[in-house]
Structure formats: C-alpha cells, structure tokens
Amino acid sequence: MINTNLTITDKAIAGVEFLRNYANLAAEHHNWLVRITAEPQAIAASAIEQLVKETPNSAPSSSLFRKRLTPPLPLTRQAAWTLQPGTHLS
C-alpha cells in the first residue's frame, strides 16, 4: 500500500517502481503468457515516469481533469465520462 501522506508525484513514482519491478519478474516467469505482459508493463512504467517528470505541478492539473470528467446528474443515456458543456481539455 502506498503511503497516503505522499504527494501525487511521489505516489506516481512509487507506482512506476512497482510496475517496473513486476515487469522484470514477469519477463523471467516460466509461463509464456506472463512473459508477454512484461514489455507493455515496462513501456507503461516509462511513460508514467516521463509524464511525472514533464509535469512538475501535476496535482492541480489532475484535480482539474477530474472535475471536468464528473458526470452530470442525473445520468442520462449519455456516456458517464462525457465532458461538461463549455469545458476543454488542454
């Protein structure tokens, strides 16, 4: 479990380390089905790490992103993840 007192950046880096370690273990596994999952996991870890390093102030932008994706109430037949009117992802 990741410490709840960490910043979002520290949590992301901890997740990257976990994912990368899991990918290394998967690459050495005896089951071929597990081995083929190692490369996508390593790629995902690298992508997350790059995003964290490129976005030093990720907490404000992620909370803004979450606000924009909140579904309007009551839910209609539209997809629950649609953007609210007048918002743009930048």
PDB file of N, CA and C in Angstrom:
ATOM      1  N   MET A   1       0.842  -1.174   0.000  1.00  0.00           N
ATOM      2  CA  MET A   1       0.000   0.000   0.000  1.00  0.00           C
ATOM      3  C   MET A   1       0.891   1.243   0.000  1.00  0.00           C
ATOM      4  N   ILE A   2       0.500   2.216  -0.790  1.00  0.00           N
ATOM      5  CA  ILE A   2       1.277   3.449  -0.899  1.00  0.00           C
ATOM      6  C   ILE A   2       0.879   4.395   0.227  1.00  0.00           C
ATOM      7  N   ASN A   3       1.856   5.031   0.854  1.00  0.00           N
ATOM      8  CA  ASN A   3       1.637   5.967   1.952  1.00  0.00           C
ATOM      9  C   ASN A   3       0.716   7.102   1.503  1.00  0.00           C
ATOM     10  N   THR A   4      -0.336   7.359   2.252  1.00  0.00           N
ATOM     11  CA  THR A   4      -1.299   8.403   1.891  1.00  0.00           C
ATOM     12  C   THR A   4      -0.767   9.806   2.143  1.00  0.00           C
ATOM     13  N   ASN A   5       0.323   9.940   2.877  1.00  0.00           N
ATOM     14  CA  ASN A   5       0.891  11.259   3.153  1.00  0.00           C
ATOM     15  C   ASN A   5       1.805  11.754   2.034  1.00  0.00           C
ATOM     16  N   LEU A   6       2.056  10.926   1.037  1.00  0.00           N
ATOM     17  CA  LEU A   6       2.934  11.319  -0.066  1.00  0.00           C
ATOM     18  C   LEU A   6       2.205  12.242  -1.032  1.00  0.00           C
ATOM     19  N   THR A   7       2.984  13.011  -1.771  1.00  0.00           N
ATOM     20  CA  THR A   7       2.397  13.851  -2.815  1.00  0.00           C
ATOM     21  C   THR A   7       1.997  12.959  -3.985  1.00  0.00           C
ATOM     22  N   ILE A   8       1.209  13.511  -4.895  1.00  0.00           N
ATOM     23  CA  ILE A   8       0.769  12.729  -6.046  1.00  0.00           C
ATOM     24  C   ILE A   8       1.962  12.327  -6.914  1.00  0.00           C
ATOM     25  N   THR A   9       2.980  13.171  -6.971  1.00  0.00           N
ATOM     26  CA  THR A   9       4.186  12.845  -7.733  1.00  0.00           C
ATOM     27  C   THR A   9       4.914  11.662  -7.108  1.00  0.00           C
ATOM     28  N   ASP A  10       5.053  11.678  -5.781  1.00  0.00           N
ATOM     29  CA  ASP A  10       5.720  10.575  -5.091  1.00  0.00           C
ATOM     30  C   ASP A  10       4.934   9.275  -5.235  1.00  0.00           C
ATOM     31  N   LYS A  11       3.608   9.367  -5.198  1.00  0.00           N
ATOM     32  CA  LYS A  11       2.774   8.178  -5.394  1.00  0.00           C
ATOM     33  C   LYS A  11       2.950   7.616  -6.803  1.00  0.00           C
ATOM     34  N   ALA A  12       3.033   8.503  -7.783  1.00  0.00           N
ATOM     35  CA  ALA A  12       3.223   8.052  -9.163  1.00  0.00           C
ATOM     36  C   ALA A  12       4.577   7.372  -9.327  1.00  0.00           C
ATOM     37  N   ILE A  13       5.616   7.936  -8.717  1.00  0.00           N
ATOM     38  CA  ILE A  13       6.948   7.330  -8.799  1.00  0.00           C
ATOM     39  C   ILE A  13       6.956   5.973  -8.098  1.00  0.00           C
ATOM     40  N   ALA A  14       6.268   5.854  -6.967  1.00  0.00           N
ATOM     41  CA  ALA A  14       6.175   4.560  -6.281  1.00  0.00           C
ATOM     42  C   ALA A  14       5.448   3.543  -7.158  1.00  0.00           C
ATOM     43  N   GLY A  15       4.404   3.981  -7.841  1.00  0.00           N
ATOM     44  CA  GLY A  15       3.691   3.098  -8.762  1.00  0.00           C
ATOM     45  C   GLY A  15       4.561   2.669  -9.925  1.00  0.00           C
ATOM     46  N   VAL A  16       5.389   3.582 -10.421  1.00  0.00           N
ATOM     47  CA  VAL A  16       6.319   3.265 -11.512  1.00  0.00           C
ATOM     48  C   VAL A  16       7.308   2.196 -11.055  1.00  0.00           C
ATOM     49  N   GLU A  17       7.850   2.354  -9.862  1.00  0.00           N
ATOM     50  CA  GLU A  17       8.805   1.373  -9.346  1.00  0.00           C
ATOM     51  C   GLU A  17       8.151   0.003  -9.202  1.00  0.00           C
ATOM     52  N   PHE A  18       6.929  -0.022  -8.680  1.00  0.00           N
ATOM     53  CA  PHE A  18       6.214  -1.285  -8.525  1.00  0.00           C
ATOM     54  C   PHE A  18       5.968  -1.930  -9.883  1.00  0.00           C
ATOM     55  N   LEU A  19       5.491  -1.150 -10.851  1.00  0.00           N
ATOM     56  CA  LEU A  19       5.189  -1.669 -12.182  1.00  0.00           C
ATOM     57  C   LEU A  19       6.449  -2.172 -12.875  1.00  0.00           C
ATOM     58  N   ARG A  20       7.534  -1.438 -12.741  1.00  0.00           N
ATOM     59  CA  ARG A  20       8.794  -1.853 -13.370  1.00  0.00           C
ATOM     60  C   ARG A  20       9.330  -3.137 -12.729  1.00  0.00           C
ATOM     61  N   ASN A  21       9.249  -3.244 -11.402  1.00  0.00           N
ATOM     62  CA  ASN A  21       9.686  -4.474 -10.731  1.00  0.00           C
ATOM     63  C   ASN A  21       8.825  -5.659 -11.145  1.00  0.00           C
ATOM     64  N   TYR A  22       7.532  -5.440 -11.243  1.00  0.00           N
ATOM     65  CA  TYR A  22       6.624  -6.506 -11.665  1.00  0.00           C
ATOM     66  C   TYR A  22       6.929  -6.925 -13.100  1.00  0.00           C
ATOM     67  N   ALA A  23       7.248  -5.963 -13.964  1.00  0.00           N
ATOM     68  CA  ALA A  23       7.599  -6.276 -15.357  1.00  0.00           C
ATOM     69  C   ALA A  23       8.881  -7.103 -15.413  1.00  0.00           C
ATOM     70  N   ASN A  24       9.852  -6.778 -14.572  1.00  0.00           N
ATOM     71  CA  ASN A  24      11.098  -7.553 -14.534  1.00  0.00           C
ATOM     72  C   ASN A  24      10.844  -8.986 -14.084  1.00  0.00           C
ATOM     73  N   LEU A  25       9.989  -9.155 -13.083  1.00  0.00           N
ATOM     74  CA  LEU A  25       9.645 -10.506 -12.635  1.00  0.00           C
ATOM     75  C   LEU A  25       8.869 -11.262 -13.708  1.00  0.00           C
ATOM     76  N   ALA A  26       7.968 -10.577 -14.386  1.00  0.00           N
ATOM     77  CA  ALA A  26       7.173 -11.219 -15.432  1.00  0.00           C
ATOM     78  C   ALA A  26       8.054 -11.664 -16.590  1.00  0.00           C
ATOM     79  N   ALA A  27       9.092 -10.902 -16.896  1.00  0.00           N
ATOM     80  CA  ALA A  27       9.987 -11.245 -18.006  1.00  0.00           C
ATOM     81  C   ALA A  27      10.736 -12.549 -17.746  1.00  0.00           C
ATOM     82  N   GLU A  28      10.931 -12.888 -16.486  1.00  0.00           N
ATOM     83  CA  GLU A  28      11.666 -14.105 -16.131  1.00  0.00           C
ATOM     84  C   GLU A  28      10.750 -15.265 -15.762  1.00  0.00           C
ATOM     85  N   HIS A  29       9.453 -15.097 -15.891  1.00  0.00           N
ATOM     86  CA  HIS A  29       8.496 -16.127 -15.481  1.00  0.00           C
ATOM     87  C   HIS A  29       8.547 -17.320 -16.424  1.00  0.00           C
ATOM     88  N   HIS A  30       8.220 -18.498 -15.903  1.00  0.00           N
ATOM     89  CA  HIS A  30       8.246 -19.718 -16.716  1.00  0.00           C
ATOM     90  C   HIS A  30       7.072 -19.808 -17.691  1.00  0.00           C
ATOM     91  N   ASN A  31       5.978 -19.122 -17.400  1.00  0.00           N
ATOM     92  CA  ASN A  31       4.791 -19.169 -18.254  1.00  0.00           C
ATOM     93  C   ASN A  31       4.915 -18.115 -19.355  1.00  0.00           C
ATOM     94  N   TRP A  32       4.804 -18.521 -20.604  1.00  0.00           N
ATOM     95  CA  TRP A  32       4.960 -17.590 -21.733  1.00  0.00           C
ATOM     96  C   TRP A  32       3.878 -16.522 -21.728  1.00  0.00           C
ATOM     97  N   LEU A  33       2.689 -16.853 -21.227  1.00  0.00           N
ATOM     98  CA  LEU A  33       1.598 -15.883 -21.208  1.00  0.00           C
ATOM     99  C   LEU A  33       1.911 -14.724 -20.257  1.00  0.00           C
ATOM    100  N   VAL A  34       2.586 -15.022 -19.180  1.00  0.00           N
ATOM    101  CA  VAL A  34       3.006 -13.978 -18.242  1.00  0.00           C
ATOM    102  C   VAL A  34       4.176 -13.191 -18.831  1.00  0.00           C
ATOM    103  N   ARG A  35       5.094 -13.893 -19.513  1.00  0.00           N
ATOM    104  CA  ARG A  35       6.265 -13.225 -20.095  1.00  0.00           C
ATOM    105  C   ARG A  35       5.885 -12.174 -21.128  1.00  0.00           C
ATOM    106  N   ILE A  36       4.830 -12.438 -21.914  1.00  0.00           N
ATOM    107  CA  ILE A  36       4.490 -11.465 -22.962  1.00  0.00           C
ATOM    108  C   ILE A  36       3.876 -10.189 -22.395  1.00  0.00           C
ATOM    109  N   THR A  37       3.509 -10.186 -21.117  1.00  0.00           N
ATOM    110  CA  THR A  37       2.973  -8.968 -20.499  1.00  0.00           C
ATOM    111  C   THR A  37       4.075  -8.049 -19.983  1.00  0.00           C
ATOM    112  N   ALA A  38       5.306  -8.521 -19.969  1.00  0.00           N
ATOM    113  CA  ALA A  38       6.401  -7.741 -19.380  1.00  0.00           C
ATOM    114  C   ALA A  38       6.695  -6.474 -20.167  1.00  0.00           C
ATOM    115  N   GLU A  39       6.747  -6.569 -21.485  1.00  0.00           N
ATOM    116  CA  GLU A  39       7.111  -5.395 -22.283  1.00  0.00           C
ATOM    117  C   GLU A  39       6.081  -4.274 -22.179  1.00  0.00           C
ATOM    118  N   PRO A  40       4.769  -4.552 -22.313  1.00  0.00           N
ATOM    119  CA  PRO A  40       3.799  -3.459 -22.150  1.00  0.00           C
ATOM    120  C   PRO A  40       3.850  -2.812 -20.765  1.00  0.00           C
ATOM    121  N   GLN A  41       4.129  -3.613 -19.735  1.00  0.00           N
ATOM    122  CA  GLN A  41       4.233  -3.054 -18.387  1.00  0.00           C
ATOM    123  C   GLN A  41       5.451  -2.147 -18.266  1.00  0.00           C
ATOM    124  N   ALA A  42       6.552  -2.538 -18.862  1.00  0.00           N
ATOM    125  CA  ALA A  42       7.758  -1.706 -18.826  1.00  0.00           C
ATOM    126  C   ALA A  42       7.543  -0.415 -19.608  1.00  0.00           C
ATOM    127  N   ILE A  43       6.853  -0.502 -20.735  1.00  0.00           N
ATOM    128  CA  ILE A  43       6.552   0.693 -21.530  1.00  0.00           C
ATOM    129  C   ILE A  43       5.646   1.632 -20.740  1.00  0.00           C
ATOM    130  N   ALA A  44       4.634   1.074 -20.072  1.00  0.00           N
ATOM    131  CA  ALA A  44       3.724   1.897 -19.268  1.00  0.00           C
ATOM    132  C   ALA A  44       4.474   2.579 -18.127  1.00  0.00           C
ATOM    133  N   ALA A  45       5.375   1.860 -17.479  1.00  0.00           N
ATOM    134  CA  ALA A  45       6.155   2.448 -16.386  1.00  0.00           C
ATOM    135  C   ALA A  45       7.001   3.612 -16.890  1.00  0.00           C
ATOM    136  N   SER A  46       7.627   3.433 -18.043  1.00  0.00           N
ATOM    137  CA  SER A  46       8.448   4.511 -18.608  1.00  0.00           C
ATOM    138  C   SER A  46       7.600   5.714 -18.994  1.00  0.00           C
ATOM    139  N   ALA A  47       6.419   5.454 -19.554  1.00  0.00           N
ATOM    140  CA  ALA A  47       5.531   6.553 -19.952  1.00  0.00           C
ATOM    141  C   ALA A  47       5.044   7.337 -18.739  1.00  0.00           C
ATOM    142  N   ILE A  48       4.673   6.639 -17.683  1.00  0.00           N
ATOM    143  CA  ILE A  48       4.213   7.311 -16.462  1.00  0.00           C
ATOM    144  C   ILE A  48       5.346   8.139 -15.866  1.00  0.00           C
ATOM    145  N   GLU A  49       6.538   7.555 -15.820  1.00  0.00           N
ATOM    146  CA  GLU A  49       7.689   8.273 -15.270  1.00  0.00           C
ATOM    147  C   GLU A  49       7.990   9.530 -16.083  1.00  0.00           C
ATOM    148  N   GLN A  50       7.911   9.429 -17.396  1.00  0.00           N
ATOM    149  CA  GLN A  50       8.160  10.593 -18.250  1.00  0.00           C
ATOM    150  C   GLN A  50       7.108  11.673 -18.019  1.00  0.00           C
ATOM    151  N   LEU A  51       5.842  11.283 -17.891  1.00  0.00           N
ATOM    152  CA  LEU A  51       4.782  12.261 -17.630  1.00  0.00           C
ATOM    153  C   LEU A  51       4.986  12.967 -16.300  1.00  0.00           C
ATOM    154  N   VAL A  52       5.391  12.214 -15.286  1.00  0.00           N
ATOM    155  CA  VAL A  52       5.615  12.811 -13.965  1.00  0.00           C
ATOM    156  C   VAL A  52       6.767  13.805 -14.018  1.00  0.00           C
ATOM    157  N   LYS A  53       7.824  13.464 -14.727  1.00  0.00           N
ATOM    158  CA  LYS A  53       8.979  14.362 -14.811  1.00  0.00           C
ATOM    159  C   LYS A  53       8.682  15.598 -15.652  1.00  0.00           C
ATOM    160  N   GLU A  54       7.831  15.459 -16.675  1.00  0.00           N
ATOM    161  CA  GLU A  54       7.494  16.601 -17.526  1.00  0.00           C
ATOM    162  C   GLU A  54       6.457  17.514 -16.893  1.00  0.00           C
ATOM    163  N   THR A  55       5.695  17.005 -15.932  1.00  0.00           N
ATOM    164  CA  THR A  55       4.623  17.771 -15.313  1.00  0.00           C
ATOM    165  C   THR A  55       4.908  17.904 -13.823  1.00  0.00           C
ATOM    166  N   PRO A  56       5.714  18.895 -13.426  1.00  0.00           N
ATOM    167  CA  PRO A  56       6.060  19.014 -12.009  1.00  0.00           C
ATOM    168  C   PRO A  56       4.877  19.386 -11.114  1.00  0.00           C
ATOM    169  N   ASN A  57       3.923  20.138 -11.630  1.00  0.00           N
ATOM    170  CA  ASN A  57       2.752  20.526 -10.838  1.00  0.00           C
ATOM    171  C   ASN A  57       1.553  19.705 -11.284  1.00  0.00           C
ATOM    172  N   SER A  58       1.621  18.399 -11.086  1.00  0.00           N
ATOM    173  CA  SER A  58       0.567  17.532 -11.600  1.00  0.00           C
ATOM    174  C   SER A  58      -0.681  17.527 -10.719  1.00  0.00           C
ATOM    175  N   ALA A  59      -0.574  17.920  -9.453  1.00  0.00           N
ATOM    176  CA  ALA A  59      -1.746  17.884  -8.579  1.00  0.00           C
ATOM    177  C   ALA A  59      -2.850  18.836  -9.031  1.00  0.00           C
ATOM    178  N   PRO A  60      -2.568  20.100  -9.328  1.00  0.00           N
ATOM    179  CA  PRO A  60      -3.654  20.977  -9.770  1.00  0.00           C
ATOM    180  C   PRO A  60      -4.266  20.540 -11.099  1.00  0.00           C
ATOM    181  N   SER A  61      -3.440  20.097 -12.034  1.00  0.00           N
ATOM    182  CA  SER A  61      -3.984  19.712 -13.332  1.00  0.00           C
ATOM    183  C   SER A  61      -4.806  18.440 -13.233  1.00  0.00           C
ATOM    184  N   SER A  62      -4.416  17.500 -12.365  1.00  0.00           N
ATOM    185  CA  SER A  62      -5.185  16.268 -12.257  1.00  0.00           C
ATOM    186  C   SER A  62      -6.524  16.517 -11.578  1.00  0.00           C
ATOM    187  N   SER A  63      -6.575  17.431 -10.595  1.00  0.00           N
ATOM    188  CA  SER A  63      -7.861  17.726  -9.961  1.00  0.00           C
ATOM    189  C   SER A  63      -8.776  18.460 -10.931  1.00  0.00           C
ATOM    190  N   LEU A  64      -8.204  19.309 -11.778  1.00  0.00           N
ATOM    191  CA  LEU A  64      -8.995  19.991 -12.792  1.00  0.00           C
ATOM    192  C   LEU A  64      -9.536  18.984 -13.798  1.00  0.00           C
ATOM    193  N   PHE A  65      -8.707  18.014 -14.177  1.00  0.00           N
ATOM    194  CA  PHE A  65      -9.136  16.983 -15.115  1.00  0.00           C
ATOM    195  C   PHE A  65     -10.275  16.163 -14.513  1.00  0.00           C
ATOM    196  N   ARG A  66     -10.167  15.812 -13.217  1.00  0.00           N
ATOM    197  CA  ARG A  66     -11.227  15.045 -12.564  1.00  0.00           C
ATOM    198  C   ARG A  66     -12.526  15.836 -12.510  1.00  0.00           C
ATOM    199  N   LYS A  67     -12.439  17.154 -12.267  1.00  0.00           N
ATOM    200  CA  LYS A  67     -13.646  17.979 -12.225  1.00  0.00           C
ATOM    201  C   LYS A  67     -14.340  18.001 -13.575  1.00  0.00           C
ATOM    202  N   ARG A  68     -13.560  18.071 -14.639  1.00  0.00           N
ATOM    203  CA  ARG A  68     -14.136  18.152 -15.975  1.00  0.00           C
ATOM    204  C   ARG A  68     -14.802  16.850 -16.391  1.00  0.00           C
ATOM    205  N   LEU A  69     -14.381  15.739 -15.841  1.00  0.00           N
ATOM    206  CA  LEU A  69     -14.932  14.457 -16.236  1.00  0.00           C
ATOM    207  C   LEU A  69     -16.037  13.956 -15.319  1.00  0.00           C
ATOM    208  N   THR A  70     -16.456  14.770 -14.357  1.00  0.00           N
ATOM    209  CA  THR A  70     -17.540  14.319 -13.494  1.00  0.00           C
ATOM    210  C   THR A  70     -18.838  14.312 -14.284  1.00  0.00           C
ATOM    211  N   PRO A  71     -19.614  13.243 -14.168  1.00  0.00           N
ATOM    212  CA  PRO A  71     -20.844  13.148 -14.951  1.00  0.00           C
ATOM    213  C   PRO A  71     -21.913  14.098 -14.426  1.00  0.00           C
ATOM    214  N   PRO A  72     -22.723  14.654 -15.310  1.00  0.00           N
ATOM    215  CA  PRO A  72     -23.824  15.493 -14.851  1.00  0.00           C
ATOM    216  C   PRO A  72     -24.890  14.629 -14.190  1.00  0.00           C
ATOM    217  N   LEU A  73     -25.572  15.172 -13.223  1.00  0.00           N
ATOM    218  CA  LEU A  73     -26.637  14.424 -12.542  1.00  0.00           C
ATOM    219  C   LEU A  73     -27.985  14.957 -12.971  1.00  0.00           C
ATOM    220  N   PRO A  74     -29.000  14.204 -13.161  1.00  0.00           N
ATOM    221  CA  PRO A  74     -28.988  12.745 -13.147  1.00  0.00           C
ATOM    222  C   PRO A  74     -28.375  12.199 -14.424  1.00  0.00           C
ATOM    223  N   LEU A  75     -27.881  10.972 -14.341  1.00  0.00           N
ATOM    224  CA  LEU A  75     -27.280  10.351 -15.511  1.00  0.00           C
ATOM    225  C   LEU A  75     -28.355  10.047 -16.547  1.00  0.00           C
ATOM    226  N   THR A  76     -28.047  10.362 -17.762  1.00  0.00           N
ATOM    227  CA  THR A  76     -28.959  10.053 -18.858  1.00  0.00           C
ATOM    228  C   THR A  76     -28.376   8.895 -19.644  1.00  0.00           C
ATOM    229  N   ARG A  77     -28.843   8.705 -20.848  1.00  0.00           N
ATOM    230  CA  ARG A  77     -28.317   7.628 -21.677  1.00  0.00           C
ATOM    231  C   ARG A  77     -26.949   7.981 -22.260  1.00  0.00           C
ATOM    232  N   GLN A  78     -26.458   9.181 -22.014  1.00  0.00           N
ATOM    233  CA  GLN A  78     -25.135   9.559 -22.488  1.00  0.00           C
ATOM    234  C   GLN A  78     -24.078   8.805 -21.691  1.00  0.00           C
ATOM    235  N   ALA A  79     -22.895   8.762 -22.244  1.00  0.00           N
ATOM    236  CA  ALA A  79     -21.795   8.115 -21.533  1.00  0.00           C
ATOM    237  C   ALA A  79     -21.489   8.898 -20.260  1.00  0.00           C
ATOM    238  N   ALA A  80     -21.146   8.195 -19.206  1.00  0.00           N
ATOM    239  CA  ALA A  80     -20.897   8.832 -17.911  1.00  0.00           C
ATOM    240  C   ALA A  80     -19.630   9.678 -17.914  1.00  0.00           C
ATOM    241  N   TRP A  81     -18.735   9.468 -18.853  1.00  0.00           N
ATOM    242  CA  TRP A  81     -17.461  10.182 -18.851  1.00  0.00           C
ATOM    243  C   TRP A  81     -17.445  11.400 -19.757  1.00  0.00           C
ATOM    244  N   THR A  82     -18.567  11.800 -20.335  1.00  0.00           N
ATOM    245  CA  THR A  82     -18.580  12.932 -21.261  1.00  0.00           C
ATOM    246  C   THR A  82     -18.229  14.225 -20.539  1.00  0.00           C
ATOM    247  N   LEU A  83     -17.634  15.127 -21.265  1.00  0.00           N
ATOM    248  CA  LEU A  83     -17.245  16.414 -20.690  1.00  0.00           C
ATOM    249  C   LEU A  83     -18.466  17.285 -20.459  1.00  0.00           C
ATOM    250  N   GLN A  84     -18.379  18.120 -19.454  1.00  0.00           N
ATOM    251  CA  GLN A  84     -19.451  19.061 -19.201  1.00  0.00           C
ATOM    252  C   GLN A  84     -19.417  20.133 -20.280  1.00  0.00           C
ATOM    253  N   PRO A  85     -20.568  20.717 -20.628  1.00  0.00           N
ATOM    254  CA  PRO A  85     -20.603  21.730 -21.684  1.00  0.00           C
ATOM    255  C   PRO A  85     -19.684  22.906 -21.361  1.00  0.00           C
ATOM    256  N   GLY A  86     -18.984  23.372 -22.371  1.00  0.00           N
ATOM    257  CA  GLY A  86     -18.132  24.542 -22.218  1.00  0.00           C
ATOM    258  C   GLY A  86     -16.745  24.264 -21.680  1.00  0.00           C
ATOM    259  N   THR A  87     -16.397  23.004 -21.436  1.00  0.00           N
ATOM    260  CA  THR A  87     -15.055  22.703 -20.941  1.00  0.00           C
ATOM    261  C   THR A  87     -14.215  22.133 -22.070  1.00  0.00           C
ATOM    262  N   HIS A  88     -12.929  22.370 -21.970  1.00  0.00           N
ATOM    263  CA  HIS A  88     -11.992  21.875 -22.975  1.00  0.00           C
ATOM    264  C   HIS A  88     -10.794  21.281 -22.261  1.00  0.00           C
ATOM    265  N   LEU A  89     -10.326  20.161 -22.738  1.00  0.00           N
ATOM    266  CA  LEU A  89      -9.104  19.582 -22.196  1.00  0.00           C
ATOM    267  C   LEU A  89      -7.927  20.240 -22.885  1.00  0.00           C
ATOM    268  N   SER A  90      -7.015  20.767 -22.091  1.00  0.00           N
ATOM    269  CA  SER A  90      -5.842  21.405 -22.700  1.00  0.00           C
ATOM    270  C   SER A  90      -4.582  20.856 -22.090  1.00  0.00           C
TER     271      SER A  90
END
